[in-house]
Protein backbone atom coordinates (compact mmCIF):
# COMPACT_ATOMS: atom_id res chain seq x y z
CA MET A 1 8.49 8.44 26.14
CA ALA A 2 10.39 7.09 23.14
CA LEU A 3 13.70 7.50 24.94
CA ALA A 4 12.37 5.61 27.94
CA GLU A 5 11.06 2.79 25.75
CA ARG A 6 14.27 2.44 23.76
CA THR A 7 16.67 2.70 26.70
CA ALA A 8 14.66 0.89 29.41
CA GLY A 9 14.63 4.26 31.11
CA VAL A 10 12.53 5.54 33.99
CA ILE A 11 10.94 8.99 33.73
CA VAL A 12 11.39 11.09 36.87
CA ASN A 13 9.19 14.12 37.40
CA ALA A 14 10.86 17.52 37.81
CA ASP A 15 7.71 19.66 37.71
CA SER A 16 6.48 21.37 40.86
CA ALA A 17 2.76 20.99 40.04
CA GLN A 18 2.92 17.38 38.89
CA VAL A 19 4.17 16.20 42.29
CA TYR A 20 0.63 16.65 43.62
CA ARG A 21 -2.03 14.00 43.14
CA ASP A 22 -4.83 16.56 43.47
CA LEU A 23 -4.40 18.04 39.98
CA PRO A 24 -3.63 15.31 37.42
CA VAL A 25 -5.60 17.08 34.68
CA LEU A 26 -4.64 20.68 35.44
CA SER A 27 -0.95 19.79 35.80
CA ALA A 28 -0.97 17.64 32.61
CA ALA A 29 0.27 14.61 34.53
CA PRO A 30 1.07 11.45 32.53
CA SER A 31 -1.97 9.43 31.52
CA GLU A 32 -2.56 5.81 32.49
CA GLU A 33 -1.60 4.80 28.95
CA GLU A 34 1.70 6.66 29.21
CA ARG A 35 2.43 5.09 32.59
CA GLU A 36 1.90 1.67 31.04
CA ARG A 37 4.38 2.45 28.26
CA ALA A 38 7.16 3.47 30.67
CA GLU A 39 7.73 3.64 34.39
CA HIS A 40 7.15 7.08 35.94
CA ARG A 41 8.24 8.27 39.39
CA LEU A 42 7.42 11.26 41.62
CA TYR A 43 4.22 12.04 39.71
CA GLY A 44 1.25 12.54 42.03
CA SER A 45 3.40 11.43 44.94
CA LEU A 46 2.22 14.09 47.41
CA ASP A 47 -1.06 15.22 48.87
CA GLY A 48 -1.89 18.87 48.24
CA ALA A 49 -1.81 19.60 51.98
CA THR A 50 1.92 18.79 52.01
CA PRO A 51 4.12 21.71 50.94
CA SER A 52 7.06 20.73 48.73
CA SER A 53 10.13 22.89 48.33
CA ALA A 54 12.92 22.48 45.81
CA ALA A 55 15.06 20.95 48.56
CA ASP A 56 12.33 18.46 49.50
CA TRP A 57 11.92 17.38 45.90
CA ALA A 58 15.68 17.15 45.32
CA ALA A 59 16.04 14.80 48.30
CA ARG A 60 13.34 12.51 46.91
CA ALA A 61 14.75 12.72 43.38
CA LYS A 62 18.24 11.75 44.59
CA ALA A 63 16.83 8.63 46.22
CA GLU A 64 14.87 7.68 43.08
CA ILE A 65 17.83 8.31 40.77
CA ALA A 66 20.12 6.21 42.97
CA ASP A 67 17.58 3.38 43.00
CA ILE A 68 17.11 3.50 39.22
CA GLN A 69 20.86 3.52 38.58
CA ALA A 70 21.37 0.66 41.04
CA SER A 71 19.04 -1.43 38.88
CA GLY A 72 21.13 -0.62 35.79
CA ARG A 73 18.47 1.60 34.24
CA LEU A 74 18.53 5.16 32.93
CA PRO A 75 16.87 7.98 34.92
CA ILE A 76 15.25 10.49 32.51
CA LEU A 77 14.52 13.73 34.34
CA VAL A 78 11.60 15.60 32.75
CA GLY A 79 10.11 18.92 33.73
CA GLY A 80 10.21 22.66 33.54
CA THR A 81 10.72 23.79 37.14
CA GLY A 82 14.17 25.33 36.86
CA MET A 83 14.69 25.70 40.61
CA TYR A 84 14.05 21.99 41.13
CA ILE A 85 16.63 20.95 38.55
CA ARG A 86 19.15 23.54 39.68
CA THR A 87 18.84 22.44 43.31
CA LEU A 88 19.31 18.78 42.39
CA LEU A 89 22.39 19.41 40.28
CA ASP A 90 24.04 22.36 42.04
CA GLY A 91 22.88 21.85 45.60
CA ILE A 92 21.16 24.27 47.92
CA ALA A 93 22.32 27.14 50.07
CA PRO A 94 22.79 25.98 53.68
CA VAL A 95 20.36 28.51 55.15
CA PRO A 96 19.71 27.73 58.85
CA SER A 97 16.17 26.99 60.01
CA ILE A 98 14.08 30.13 60.20
CA ASP A 99 12.92 31.28 63.64
CA PRO A 100 9.22 30.23 63.77
CA GLU A 101 8.19 33.56 65.26
CA VAL A 102 9.99 35.47 62.51
CA ARG A 103 8.32 33.32 59.88
CA LYS A 104 4.90 33.84 61.44
CA GLN A 105 5.31 37.63 61.53
CA VAL A 106 6.55 37.81 57.95
CA ARG A 107 3.91 35.48 56.49
CA GLU A 108 1.09 37.37 58.23
CA ALA A 109 2.24 40.81 57.04
CA PRO A 110 1.03 42.31 53.74
CA VAL A 111 3.47 42.11 50.83
CA GLU A 112 3.82 45.91 50.69
CA GLU A 113 5.03 46.02 54.30
CA ASN A 114 7.43 43.13 53.76
CA ARG A 115 8.86 44.75 50.65
CA ALA A 116 9.45 48.02 52.49
CA ARG A 117 11.36 46.18 55.22
CA LEU A 118 13.31 44.20 52.63
CA GLU A 119 14.35 47.41 50.86
CA GLU A 120 15.84 48.55 54.16
CA LEU A 121 17.51 45.29 55.20
CA ASP A 122 18.41 43.72 51.83
CA PRO A 123 18.11 46.34 49.08
CA GLU A 124 19.86 44.06 46.56
CA ALA A 125 17.15 41.40 46.87
CA ALA A 126 14.36 43.98 46.88
CA ALA A 127 15.64 45.46 43.63
CA THR A 128 15.56 42.11 41.82
CA LEU A 129 12.14 40.85 42.97
CA ASN A 130 8.74 41.64 41.50
CA ALA A 131 6.88 43.99 43.84
CA GLN A 132 3.96 41.54 44.10
CA ASP A 133 6.00 38.34 44.45
CA THR A 134 4.68 37.52 47.89
CA THR A 135 6.54 34.23 48.32
CA ARG A 136 10.04 35.34 47.30
CA ILE A 137 9.82 38.65 49.16
CA ALA A 138 8.74 36.82 52.31
CA ARG A 139 11.55 34.28 51.92
CA ALA A 140 14.25 36.92 51.44
CA LEU A 141 12.97 38.93 54.39
CA GLU A 142 12.67 36.03 56.81
CA VAL A 143 16.19 34.88 55.96
CA VAL A 144 17.81 38.24 56.67
CA LEU A 145 15.72 38.76 59.82
CA SER A 146 16.40 35.28 61.21
CA THR A 147 20.06 34.84 60.22
CA GLY A 148 21.37 38.38 59.99
CA LYS A 149 22.67 37.70 56.47
CA PRO A 150 21.04 38.40 53.09
CA LEU A 151 19.87 35.39 51.12
CA ALA A 152 22.46 36.15 48.42
CA GLU A 153 25.25 35.62 50.95
CA TRP A 154 23.95 32.15 51.78
CA GLN A 155 23.48 31.33 48.10
CA LYS A 156 27.18 31.79 47.42
CA ARG A 157 27.59 28.40 49.09
CA ARG A 158 25.74 25.37 47.79
CA GLU A 159 25.74 21.87 49.22
CA GLY A 160 24.37 18.48 48.25
CA GLY A 161 24.23 18.77 44.45
CA ILE A 162 24.79 15.66 42.32
CA GLY A 163 25.91 17.48 39.17
CA GLY A 164 29.52 16.42 39.65
CA GLN A 165 28.64 12.80 40.41
CA VAL A 166 26.57 11.88 37.37
CA ASP A 167 27.15 11.63 33.63
CA LEU A 168 24.62 14.19 32.53
CA ARG A 169 23.09 14.42 29.04
CA PRO A 170 20.96 17.58 29.03
CA ILE A 171 18.57 18.52 26.22
CA VAL A 172 16.92 21.96 26.24
CA LEU A 173 13.88 22.33 23.97
CA LEU A 174 13.08 25.87 22.82
CA PRO A 175 10.32 25.64 20.18
CA THR A 176 9.15 28.71 18.31
CA ARG A 177 7.05 31.05 20.46
CA ASP A 178 4.00 30.99 18.17
CA TRP A 179 3.90 27.20 18.20
CA LEU A 180 4.44 27.10 21.96
CA TYR A 181 1.74 29.64 22.79
CA ALA A 182 -0.79 27.94 20.49
CA ARG A 183 -0.09 24.67 22.32
CA CYS A 184 -0.60 26.43 25.66
CA ASP A 185 -4.01 27.72 24.56
CA ASP A 186 -5.12 24.38 23.15
CA ARG A 187 -3.95 22.49 26.20
CA PHE A 188 -5.79 24.66 28.71
CA ALA A 189 -9.01 24.41 26.70
CA ALA A 190 -8.59 20.63 26.60
CA MET A 191 -8.05 20.53 30.36
CA ILE A 192 -11.42 22.19 30.91
CA GLN A 193 -13.06 19.48 28.81
CA LYS A 194 -11.22 16.71 30.65
CA GLY A 195 -12.24 17.64 34.20
CA ALA A 196 -10.08 20.54 35.41
CA ILE A 197 -13.12 22.36 36.82
CA GLU A 198 -14.11 19.34 38.89
CA GLU A 199 -10.53 19.01 40.13
CA VAL A 200 -10.40 22.60 41.35
CA LYS A 201 -13.85 22.31 42.93
CA ALA A 202 -12.70 19.27 44.93
CA LEU A 203 -9.49 21.07 45.89
CA LEU A 204 -11.39 24.13 47.15
CA GLU A 205 -13.71 21.93 49.20
CA ARG A 206 -10.69 20.85 51.25
CA ASN A 207 -10.23 24.42 52.55
CA LEU A 208 -6.47 24.22 52.32
CA ASP A 209 -4.13 27.08 53.19
CA PRO A 210 -4.19 29.38 50.12
CA ASP A 211 -0.41 29.81 50.40
CA LEU A 212 0.25 26.11 49.77
CA PRO A 213 2.02 25.41 46.44
CA VAL A 214 -0.86 23.32 45.11
CA MET A 215 -3.20 26.29 45.52
CA ARG A 216 -0.91 28.44 43.39
CA ALA A 217 -0.81 26.02 40.45
CA ILE A 218 -1.66 27.67 37.14
CA GLY A 219 -5.38 27.50 36.51
CA VAL A 220 -6.51 27.13 40.12
CA ALA A 221 -7.15 30.85 40.66
CA GLU A 222 -8.79 31.28 37.27
CA ILE A 223 -11.12 28.31 37.63
CA SER A 224 -11.86 29.30 41.23
CA ALA A 225 -13.02 32.68 39.95
CA TYR A 226 -15.41 30.88 37.60
CA LEU A 227 -16.74 28.70 40.41
CA THR A 228 -17.44 31.78 42.55
CA ARG A 229 -19.07 33.49 39.54
CA GLU A 230 -16.48 36.26 39.39
CA LEU A 231 -15.71 35.21 35.82
CA THR A 232 -17.69 33.54 33.06
CA LEU A 233 -16.34 30.25 31.78
CA ASP A 234 -14.98 31.93 28.65
CA GLN A 235 -13.27 34.59 30.75
CA ALA A 236 -11.78 31.96 33.07
CA VAL A 237 -10.45 29.95 30.12
CA ALA A 238 -8.93 33.06 28.56
CA ALA A 239 -7.33 34.02 31.90
CA GLY A 240 -5.96 30.49 32.35
CA GLN A 241 -4.54 30.48 28.86
CA GLN A 242 -2.88 33.84 29.44
CA ALA A 243 -1.39 32.67 32.75
CA THR A 244 -0.06 29.56 31.01
CA ARG A 245 1.54 31.60 28.22
CA ARG A 246 3.14 33.95 30.74
CA TYR A 247 4.62 31.04 32.65
CA ALA A 248 5.82 29.43 29.42
CA LYS A 249 7.52 32.70 28.52
CA ARG A 250 9.34 32.75 31.87
CA GLN A 251 10.37 29.12 31.42
CA TYR A 252 11.56 29.83 27.89
CA THR A 253 13.67 32.79 29.02
CA TRP A 254 15.14 30.82 31.92
CA LEU A 255 16.03 27.83 29.75
CA ALA A 256 17.52 30.05 27.06
CA HIS A 257 19.93 31.78 29.44
CA GLN A 258 20.31 30.09 32.84
CA PRO A 259 21.55 26.55 32.14
CA PRO A 260 25.27 26.24 31.27
CA ALA A 261 26.19 27.47 27.80
CA GLY A 262 27.37 23.97 26.88
CA TRP A 263 23.92 22.45 27.28
CA PRO A 264 22.54 21.83 23.75
CA ARG A 265 19.50 23.90 22.85
CA PHE A 266 17.08 23.00 20.09
CA THR A 267 14.63 25.38 18.43
CA GLU A 268 13.54 22.83 15.82
CA PRO A 269 11.90 19.44 16.46
CA LEU A 270 14.40 16.91 17.78
CA GLY A 271 13.99 13.44 16.27
CA ILE A 272 14.36 10.34 18.40
CA SER A 273 17.52 9.26 16.58
CA ALA A 274 19.17 12.61 17.29
CA ALA A 275 18.07 12.48 20.91
CA LEU A 276 19.50 8.97 21.33
CA ALA A 277 22.77 10.13 19.78
CA LEU A 278 23.03 12.81 22.45
CA LEU A 279 22.97 10.10 25.11
CA GLN A 280 26.09 8.46 23.74
CA PRO A 281 29.47 9.19 25.40
CA ASN A 282 30.57 11.22 22.39
CA GLY A 283 27.15 12.84 21.84
């Protein structure tokens, strides 16, 4: 926020949950006060019924970044969805469109069956994926079935990235784990007080496809279990806090190792003056 105010910058969302307008509380979307302090884009820009992939978001982000730069302003990309940022900067593998019949068969099959087939057709992918990762297992399987090539082969080629066309000033924040996890717990508890239960109730009333990204947002399953009386409120809050901490841990690990080694990483609080210095040509 301070960077945006001091540089006439525009904050661009790079978080996969915050693209949906259905979950402003549960996704910790910017408040009205924050939106008044600085312009924000791609927050709450999609209805939950609309699936958004990394490629879809990257296409929208490119257009917003180009528009912001054309007006002489600074785009400030903010968010923790690594695949979104990676797709925008590095491009995406040119995987052909999946045969609709193949996709239907894969998506209707149980994850155990899909994993068994993947182990046969693409053992490399099967070995790297969590046994219960329904979405990634299905994606890897449908690619090899539809194209005849493993997903890894397609991923060796990437197209459409803007990393080489922009002057990038990355800042990776890696606070201490204890501080981070305490914030996760406090934030989820605050979300419950601010209307997260009502948000999830309204979302469930729409009877959307459970495989849609919005339905897999952290907290939806846990609060849903409370609404169906499978969990008490305290149990649902504890489960939501745990899910948040687990995701934060995955984000932390990804940010610590996946971005280029030259990207500056900070484990201590970064003051505004230091952050502004990083934006300078010699920063």
